[in-house]
PDB file of N, CA and C in Angstrom:
ATOM      1  N   MET A   1      16.677  -3.731   9.081  1.00  0.00           N
ATOM      2  CA  MET A   1      18.145  -3.834   9.844  1.00  0.00           C
ATOM      3  C   MET A   1      18.537  -5.112  10.017  1.00  0.00           C
ATOM      4  N   HIS A   2      19.355  -5.746   9.793  1.00  0.00           N
ATOM      5  CA  HIS A   2      20.037  -6.836  10.248  1.00  0.00           C
ATOM      6  C   HIS A   2      20.578  -6.880  11.636  1.00  0.00           C
ATOM      7  N   ILE A   3      20.278  -8.071  12.576  1.00  0.00           N
ATOM      8  CA  ILE A   3      20.726  -7.889  13.581  1.00  0.00           C
ATOM      9  C   ILE A   3      22.230  -7.690  13.911  1.00  0.00           C
ATOM     10  N   ALA A   4      23.086  -7.828  12.986  1.00  0.00           N
ATOM     11  CA  ALA A   4      24.586  -7.586  13.461  1.00  0.00           C
ATOM     12  C   ALA A   4      24.641  -6.071  13.280  1.00  0.00           C
ATOM     13  N   ASP A   5      23.904  -5.563  12.180  1.00  0.00           N
ATOM     14  CA  ASP A   5      24.078  -4.116  12.291  1.00  0.00           C
ATOM     15  C   ASP A   5      23.463  -3.188  13.243  1.00  0.00           C
ATOM     16  N   PHE A   6      22.350  -3.836  13.839  1.00  0.00           N
ATOM     17  CA  PHE A   6      21.812  -3.214  14.908  1.00  0.00           C
ATOM     18  C   PHE A   6      22.790  -3.465  16.248  1.00  0.00           C
ATOM     19  N   ILE A   7      23.373  -4.327  16.555  1.00  0.00           N
ATOM     20  CA  ILE A   7      24.256  -4.923  17.298  1.00  0.00           C
ATOM     21  C   ILE A   7      25.310  -3.567  17.573  1.00  0.00           C
ATOM     22  N   GLU A   8      25.936  -3.721  16.208  1.00  0.00           N
ATOM     23  CA  GLU A   8      27.166  -2.803  16.003  1.00  0.00           C
ATOM     24  C   GLU A   8      26.673  -1.410  16.208  1.00  0.00           C
ATOM     25  N   ASP A   9      25.514  -0.861  15.863  1.00  0.00           N
ATOM     26  CA  ASP A   9      25.171   0.596  16.110  1.00  0.00           C
ATOM     27  C   ASP A   9      25.023   0.852  17.563  1.00  0.00           C
ATOM     28  N   LYS A  10      24.352  -0.169  18.434  1.00  0.00           N
ATOM     29  CA  LYS A  10      24.371  -0.065  19.699  1.00  0.00           C
ATOM     30  C   LYS A  10      25.427  -0.114  20.476  1.00  0.00           C
ATOM     31  N   LEU A  11      26.533  -0.793  20.034  1.00  0.00           N
ATOM     32  CA  LEU A  11      27.795  -1.001  20.713  1.00  0.00           C
ATOM     33  C   LEU A  11      28.578   0.484  20.443  1.00  0.00           C
ATOM     34  N   ASN A  12      28.413   0.895  18.985  1.00  0.00           N
ATOM     35  CA  ASN A  12      29.089   2.063  18.895  1.00  0.00           C
ATOM     36  C   ASN A  12      28.436   3.421  19.688  1.00  0.00           C
ATOM     37  N   PHE A  13      27.184   3.305  19.664  1.00  0.00           N
ATOM     38  CA  PHE A  13      26.259   4.385  20.555  1.00  0.00           C
ATOM     39  C   PHE A  13      26.862   4.480  21.943  1.00  0.00           C
ATOM     40  N   TYR A  14      26.880   3.055  22.672  1.00  0.00           N
ATOM     41  CA  TYR A  14      27.148   3.081  24.120  1.00  0.00           C
ATOM     42  C   TYR A  14      28.753   3.280  24.483  1.00  0.00           C
ATOM     43  N   ALA A  15      29.606   2.987  23.329  1.00  0.00           N
ATOM     44  CA  ALA A  15      31.108   3.439  23.633  1.00  0.00           C
ATOM     45  C   ALA A  15      31.196   4.671  23.402  1.00  0.00           C
ATOM     46  N   GLU A  16      30.484   5.384  22.544  1.00  0.00           N
ATOM     47  CA  GLU A  16      30.729   6.755  22.686  1.00  0.00           C
ATOM     48  C   GLU A  16      30.049   7.685  23.790  1.00  0.00           C
ATOM     49  N   ALA A  17      28.888   6.974  24.231  1.00  0.00           N
ATOM     50  CA  ALA A  17      28.255   7.653  25.536  1.00  0.00           C
ATOM     51  C   ALA A  17      29.417   7.352  26.819  1.00  0.00           C
ATOM     52  N   ILE A  18      30.262   6.490  26.876  1.00  0.00           N
ATOM     53  CA  ILE A  18      31.089   6.326  27.989  1.00  0.00           C
ATOM     54  C   ILE A  18      32.343   7.575  27.572  1.00  0.00           C
ATOM     55  N   ILE A  19      32.607   7.597  26.587  1.00  0.00           N
ATOM     56  CA  ILE A  19      33.643   8.777  26.101  1.00  0.00           C
ATOM     57  C   ILE A  19      33.081  10.089  26.481  1.00  0.00           C
ATOM     58  N   ARG A  20      31.726  10.485  26.227  1.00  0.00           N
ATOM     59  CA  ARG A  20      31.449  11.864  26.743  1.00  0.00           C
ATOM     60  C   ARG A  20      30.508  11.922  28.119  1.00  0.00           C
ATOM     61  N   GLY A  21      30.469  10.822  28.708  1.00  0.00           N
ATOM     62  CA  GLY A  21      29.505  10.836  29.849  1.00  0.00           C
ATOM     63  C   GLY A  21      29.868  11.216  31.199  1.00  0.00           C
ATOM     64  N   ASN A  22      29.220  10.798  32.230  1.00  0.00           N
ATOM     65  CA  ASN A  22      29.416  10.737  33.653  1.00  0.00           C
ATOM     66  C   ASN A  22      29.305   9.713  34.401  1.00  0.00           C
ATOM     67  N   GLN A  23      29.425   9.508  35.446  1.00  0.00           N
ATOM     68  CA  GLN A  23      29.820   8.282  36.001  1.00  0.00           C
ATOM     69  C   GLN A  23      28.368   7.364  36.021  1.00  0.00           C
ATOM     70  N   LYS A  24      27.403   7.956  36.082  1.00  0.00           N
ATOM     71  CA  LYS A  24      25.935   7.362  36.146  1.00  0.00           C
ATOM     72  C   LYS A  24      25.624   6.919  34.651  1.00  0.00           C
ATOM     73  N   LEU A  25      25.848   7.836  33.653  1.00  0.00           N
ATOM     74  CA  LEU A  25      25.912   7.337  32.246  1.00  0.00           C
ATOM     75  C   LEU A  25      26.634   6.155  31.987  1.00  0.00           C
ATOM     76  N   ASP A  26      28.031   6.221  32.542  1.00  0.00           N
ATOM     77  CA  ASP A  26      28.910   5.380  32.275  1.00  0.00           C
ATOM     78  C   ASP A  26      28.536   3.744  32.682  1.00  0.00           C
ATOM     79  N   GLU A  27      27.986   3.887  34.012  1.00  0.00           N
ATOM     80  CA  GLU A  27      27.480   2.620  34.462  1.00  0.00           C
ATOM     81  C   GLU A  27      26.286   1.962  33.703  1.00  0.00           C
ATOM     82  N   HIS A  28      25.648   2.865  33.424  1.00  0.00           N
ATOM     83  CA  HIS A  28      24.418   2.339  32.576  1.00  0.00           C
ATOM     84  C   HIS A  28      24.957   1.814  30.974  1.00  0.00           C
ATOM     85  N   ALA A  29      25.988   2.676  30.327  1.00  0.00           N
ATOM     86  CA  ALA A  29      26.403   2.188  29.223  1.00  0.00           C
ATOM     87  C   ALA A  29      27.203   0.835  29.370  1.00  0.00           C
ATOM     88  N   LEU A  30      27.805   0.672  30.363  1.00  0.00           N
ATOM     89  CA  LEU A  30      28.767  -0.535  30.692  1.00  0.00           C
ATOM     90  C   LEU A  30      27.972  -1.838  30.483  1.00  0.00           C
ATOM     91  N   GLY A  31      26.578  -1.478  31.205  1.00  0.00           N
ATOM     92  CA  GLY A  31      25.621  -2.824  31.182  1.00  0.00           C
ATOM     93  C   GLY A  31      25.161  -2.922  29.683  1.00  0.00           C
ATOM     94  N   GLU A  32      24.751  -1.970  29.191  1.00  0.00           N
ATOM     95  CA  GLU A  32      24.414  -2.231  27.695  1.00  0.00           C
ATOM     96  C   GLU A  32      25.556  -2.645  26.793  1.00  0.00           C
ATOM     97  N   LEU A  33      26.724  -2.246  27.083  1.00  0.00           N
ATOM     98  CA  LEU A  33      27.931  -3.080  26.334  1.00  0.00           C
ATOM     99  C   LEU A  33      28.203  -4.134  26.571  1.00  0.00           C
ATOM    100  N   SER A  34      27.983  -4.553  28.114  1.00  0.00           N
ATOM    101  CA  SER A  34      28.374  -6.036  28.235  1.00  0.00           C
ATOM    102  C   SER A  34      27.028  -6.858  27.364  1.00  0.00           C
ATOM    103  N   PHE A  35      26.049  -6.550  27.665  1.00  0.00           N
ATOM    104  CA  PHE A  35      24.639  -7.662  26.657  1.00  0.00           C
ATOM    105  C   PHE A  35      25.202  -7.520  25.105  1.00  0.00           C
ATOM    106  N   TYR A  36      25.342  -6.184  24.944  1.00  0.00           N
ATOM    107  CA  TYR A  36      25.379  -6.252  23.319  1.00  0.00           C
ATOM    108  C   TYR A  36      26.946  -6.904  22.844  1.00  0.00           C
ATOM    109  N   MET A  37      27.886  -6.817  23.806  1.00  0.00           N
ATOM    110  CA  MET A  37      29.085  -7.610  23.393  1.00  0.00           C
ATOM    111  C   MET A  37      28.768  -9.069  23.206  1.00  0.00           C
ATOM    112  N   ALA A  38      28.259  -9.473  24.311  1.00  0.00           N
ATOM    113  CA  ALA A  38      27.639 -10.907  24.507  1.00  0.00           C
ATOM    114  C   ALA A  38      27.026 -11.613  23.473  1.00  0.00           C
ATOM    115  N   LEU A  39      25.917 -10.725  23.101  1.00  0.00           N
ATOM    116  CA  LEU A  39      24.870 -10.988  21.864  1.00  0.00           C
ATOM    117  C   LEU A  39      25.623 -11.105  20.503  1.00  0.00           C
ATOM    118  N   ARG A  40      26.569 -10.046  20.451  1.00  0.00           N
ATOM    119  CA  ARG A  40      27.747 -10.292  19.076  1.00  0.00           C
ATOM    120  C   ARG A  40      28.345 -11.371  19.107  1.00  0.00           C
ATOM    121  N   ARG A  41      28.898 -11.996  20.205  1.00  0.00           N
ATOM    122  CA  ARG A  41      29.699 -13.186  20.268  1.00  0.00           C
ATOM    123  C   ARG A  41      28.698 -14.414  19.885  1.00  0.00           C
ATOM    124  N   ILE A  42      27.238 -14.488  20.450  1.00  0.00           N
ATOM    125  CA  ILE A  42      26.422 -15.530  20.178  1.00  0.00           C
ATOM    126  C   ILE A  42      26.217 -15.313  18.707  1.00  0.00           C
ATOM    127  N   VAL A  43      25.804 -14.397  18.070  1.00  0.00           N
ATOM    128  CA  VAL A  43      25.416 -14.062  17.020  1.00  0.00           C
ATOM    129  C   VAL A  43      26.349 -14.727  15.838  1.00  0.00           C
ATOM    130  N   GLU A  44      27.534 -14.205  16.395  1.00  0.00           N
ATOM    131  CA  GLU A  44      28.749 -14.647  15.192  1.00  0.00           C
ATOM    132  C   GLU A  44      29.426 -16.177  15.769  1.00  0.00           C
ATOM    133  N   LYS A  45      28.671 -16.787  16.413  1.00  0.00           N
ATOM    134  CA  LYS A  45      28.976 -18.055  16.735  1.00  0.00           C
ATOM    135  C   LYS A  45      30.215 -18.466  17.474  1.00  0.00           C
ATOM    136  N   ARG A  46      30.633 -17.596  18.398  1.00  0.00           N
ATOM    137  CA  ARG A  46      31.912 -17.520  19.201  1.00  0.00           C
ATOM    138  C   ARG A  46      31.507 -17.044  20.596  1.00  0.00           C
ATOM    139  N   GLY A  47      30.246 -17.533  21.184  1.00  0.00           N
ATOM    140  CA  GLY A  47      29.915 -17.082  22.543  1.00  0.00           C
ATOM    141  C   GLY A  47      30.732 -17.929  23.574  1.00  0.00           C
ATOM    142  N   ASN A  48      30.906 -17.416  24.916  1.00  0.00           N
ATOM    143  CA  ASN A  48      31.675 -18.376  25.534  1.00  0.00           C
ATOM    144  C   ASN A  48      30.378 -18.746  26.759  1.00  0.00           C
ATOM    145  N   ALA A  49      30.932 -19.594  27.738  1.00  0.00           N
ATOM    146  CA  ALA A  49      29.735 -19.803  28.691  1.00  0.00           C
ATOM    147  C   ALA A  49      28.978 -18.910  29.352  1.00  0.00           C
ATOM    148  N   GLN A  50      29.630 -17.888  29.467  1.00  0.00           N
ATOM    149  CA  GLN A  50      29.356 -16.676  30.781  1.00  0.00           C
ATOM    150  C   GLN A  50      28.097 -15.938  29.378  1.00  0.00           C
ATOM    151  N   ASP A  51      28.229 -15.937  28.022  1.00  0.00           N
ATOM    152  CA  ASP A  51      27.568 -15.284  27.187  1.00  0.00           C
ATOM    153  C   ASP A  51      26.079 -16.002  26.934  1.00  0.00           C
ATOM    154  N   PHE A  52      26.536 -17.408  26.996  1.00  0.00           N
ATOM    155  CA  PHE A  52      25.198 -18.335  27.029  1.00  0.00           C
ATOM    156  C   PHE A  52      24.481 -18.280  28.003  1.00  0.00           C
ATOM    157  N   GLY A  53      25.050 -18.094  29.469  1.00  0.00           N
ATOM    158  CA  GLY A  53      24.370 -18.156  30.773  1.00  0.00           C
ATOM    159  C   GLY A  53      23.671 -16.662  30.761  1.00  0.00           C
ATOM    160  N   MET A  54      24.025 -15.678  30.264  1.00  0.00           N
ATOM    161  CA  MET A  54      23.552 -14.291  29.988  1.00  0.00           C
ATOM    162  C   MET A  54      22.198 -14.603  29.092  1.00  0.00           C
ATOM    163  N   MET A  55      22.050 -15.256  27.943  1.00  0.00           N
ATOM    164  CA  MET A  55      21.017 -15.339  27.102  1.00  0.00           C
ATOM    165  C   MET A  55      20.195 -16.244  27.802  1.00  0.00           C
ATOM    166  N   ASP A  56      20.518 -17.134  28.158  1.00  0.00           N
ATOM    167  CA  ASP A  56      19.654 -17.878  29.031  1.00  0.00           C
ATOM    168  C   ASP A  56      18.806 -17.432  30.095  1.00  0.00           C
ATOM    169  N   ALA A  57      19.515 -16.559  31.038  1.00  0.00           N
ATOM    170  CA  ALA A  57      18.851 -15.746  31.988  1.00  0.00           C
ATOM    171  C   ALA A  57      17.861 -14.749  31.452  1.00  0.00           C
ATOM    172  N   ILE A  58      17.964 -14.085  30.398  1.00  0.00           N
ATOM    173  CA  ILE A  58      17.096 -13.397  29.457  1.00  0.00           C
ATOM    174  C   ILE A  58      15.863 -13.952  29.175  1.00  0.00           C
ATOM    175  N   ASN A  59      16.265 -15.260  28.330  1.00  0.00           N
ATOM    176  CA  ASN A  59      15.163 -16.023  27.637  1.00  0.00           C
ATOM    177  C   ASN A  59      14.247 -16.504  28.853  1.00  0.00           C
ATOM    178  N   ASP A  60      14.689 -17.074  29.795  1.00  0.00           N
ATOM    179  CA  ASP A  60      14.091 -17.808  31.136  1.00  0.00           C
ATOM    180  C   ASP A  60      13.221 -16.533  31.539  1.00  0.00           C
ATOM    181  N   THR A  61      13.590 -15.305  31.809  1.00  0.00           N
ATOM    182  CA  THR A  61      12.735 -14.203  32.376  1.00  0.00           C
ATOM    183  C   THR A  61      11.666 -13.980  31.387  1.00  0.00           C
ATOM    184  N   LEU A  62      11.914 -13.898  30.182  1.00  0.00           N
ATOM    185  CA  LEU A  62      10.946 -13.500  29.199  1.00  0.00           C
ATOM    186  C   LEU A  62       9.795 -14.592  28.794  1.00  0.00           C
ATOM    187  N   GLN A  63      10.432 -15.978  29.229  1.00  0.00           N
ATOM    188  CA  GLN A  63       9.415 -16.785  29.283  1.00  0.00           C
ATOM    189  C   GLN A  63       8.480 -16.779  30.538  1.00  0.00           C
ATOM    190  N   LYS A  64       8.848 -16.550  31.754  1.00  0.00           N
ATOM    191  CA  LYS A  64       8.313 -16.667  32.933  1.00  0.00           C
ATOM    192  C   LYS A  64       7.377 -15.436  32.776  1.00  0.00           C
ATOM    193  N   VAL A  65       7.607 -14.384  32.363  1.00  0.00           N
ATOM    194  CA  VAL A  65       6.709 -13.349  32.523  1.00  0.00           C
ATOM    195  C   VAL A  65       5.586 -13.417  31.284  1.00  0.00           C
ATOM    196  N   GLY A  66       5.907 -14.337  30.474  1.00  0.00           N
ATOM    197  CA  GLY A  66       4.872 -14.532  29.388  1.00  0.00           C
ATOM    198  C   GLY A  66       5.074 -13.816  27.964  1.00  0.00           C
ATOM    199  N   ILE A  67       6.185 -13.140  28.097  1.00  0.00           N
ATOM    200  CA  ILE A  67       6.457 -12.597  26.628  1.00  0.00           C
ATOM    201  C   ILE A  67       7.024 -13.518  25.576  1.00  0.00           C
ATOM    202  N   LEU A  68       7.416 -14.865  26.008  1.00  0.00           N
ATOM    203  CA  LEU A  68       7.853 -15.867  25.012  1.00  0.00           C
ATOM    204  C   LEU A  68       6.996 -17.116  25.412  1.00  0.00           C
ATOM    205  N   PRO A  69       6.540 -17.864  24.769  1.00  0.00           N
ATOM    206  CA  PRO A  69       6.058 -19.082  25.202  1.00  0.00           C
ATOM    207  C   PRO A  69       7.500 -20.288  25.620  1.00  0.00           C
ATOM    208  N   GLU A  70       7.177 -21.121  26.286  1.00  0.00           N
ATOM    209  CA  GLU A  70       8.216 -22.009  26.771  1.00  0.00           C
ATOM    210  C   GLU A  70       9.095 -22.559  25.847  1.00  0.00           C
ATOM    211  N   THR A  71       8.082 -22.679  24.520  1.00  0.00           N
ATOM    212  CA  THR A  71       8.782 -23.550  23.694  1.00  0.00           C
ATOM    213  C   THR A  71       9.745 -22.773  22.513  1.00  0.00           C
ATOM    214  N   GLU A  72       9.762 -21.369  22.742  1.00  0.00           N
ATOM    215  CA  GLU A  72      10.643 -20.712  22.008  1.00  0.00           C
ATOM    216  C   GLU A  72      11.696 -19.864  22.709  1.00  0.00           C
ATOM    217  N   THR A  73      12.445 -19.374  21.995  1.00  0.00           N
ATOM    218  CA  THR A  73      13.736 -18.539  22.570  1.00  0.00           C
ATOM    219  C   THR A  73      13.598 -17.077  21.792  1.00  0.00           C
ATOM    220  N   PHE A  74      14.353 -15.884  22.593  1.00  0.00           N
ATOM    221  CA  PHE A  74      14.229 -14.810  21.856  1.00  0.00           C
ATOM    222  C   PHE A  74      15.054 -14.848  20.548  1.00  0.00           C
ATOM    223  N   LEU A  75      16.466 -15.612  20.849  1.00  0.00           N
ATOM    224  CA  LEU A  75      17.127 -15.877  19.570  1.00  0.00           C
ATOM    225  C   LEU A  75      16.555 -16.479  18.367  1.00  0.00           C
ATOM    226  N   SER A  76      15.731 -17.162  18.692  1.00  0.00           N
ATOM    227  CA  SER A  76      15.018 -18.028  17.444  1.00  0.00           C
ATOM    228  C   SER A  76      13.969 -16.976  16.488  1.00  0.00           C
ATOM    229  N   ARG A  77      13.616 -15.926  17.310  1.00  0.00           N
ATOM    230  CA  ARG A  77      12.877 -15.212  16.732  1.00  0.00           C
ATOM    231  C   ARG A  77      13.245 -14.418  15.471  1.00  0.00           C
TER     232      ARG A  77
END
């Protein structure tokens, strides 16, 4: 599955979850939607400063805990 298809599937899933959810589920889905919307903009080369900041924070965290070497980014994999 291509990353763009994966992102769209996630966006659709969490948007539907909000439609049928409750407050606790809504808040979880909103967090997921925020990430996947930002990731979609980055992948489509139209990310804004906040999107890049989110991806940098995720990348820095993955590097700090040893999941990624400091010479790589999760988007480059």
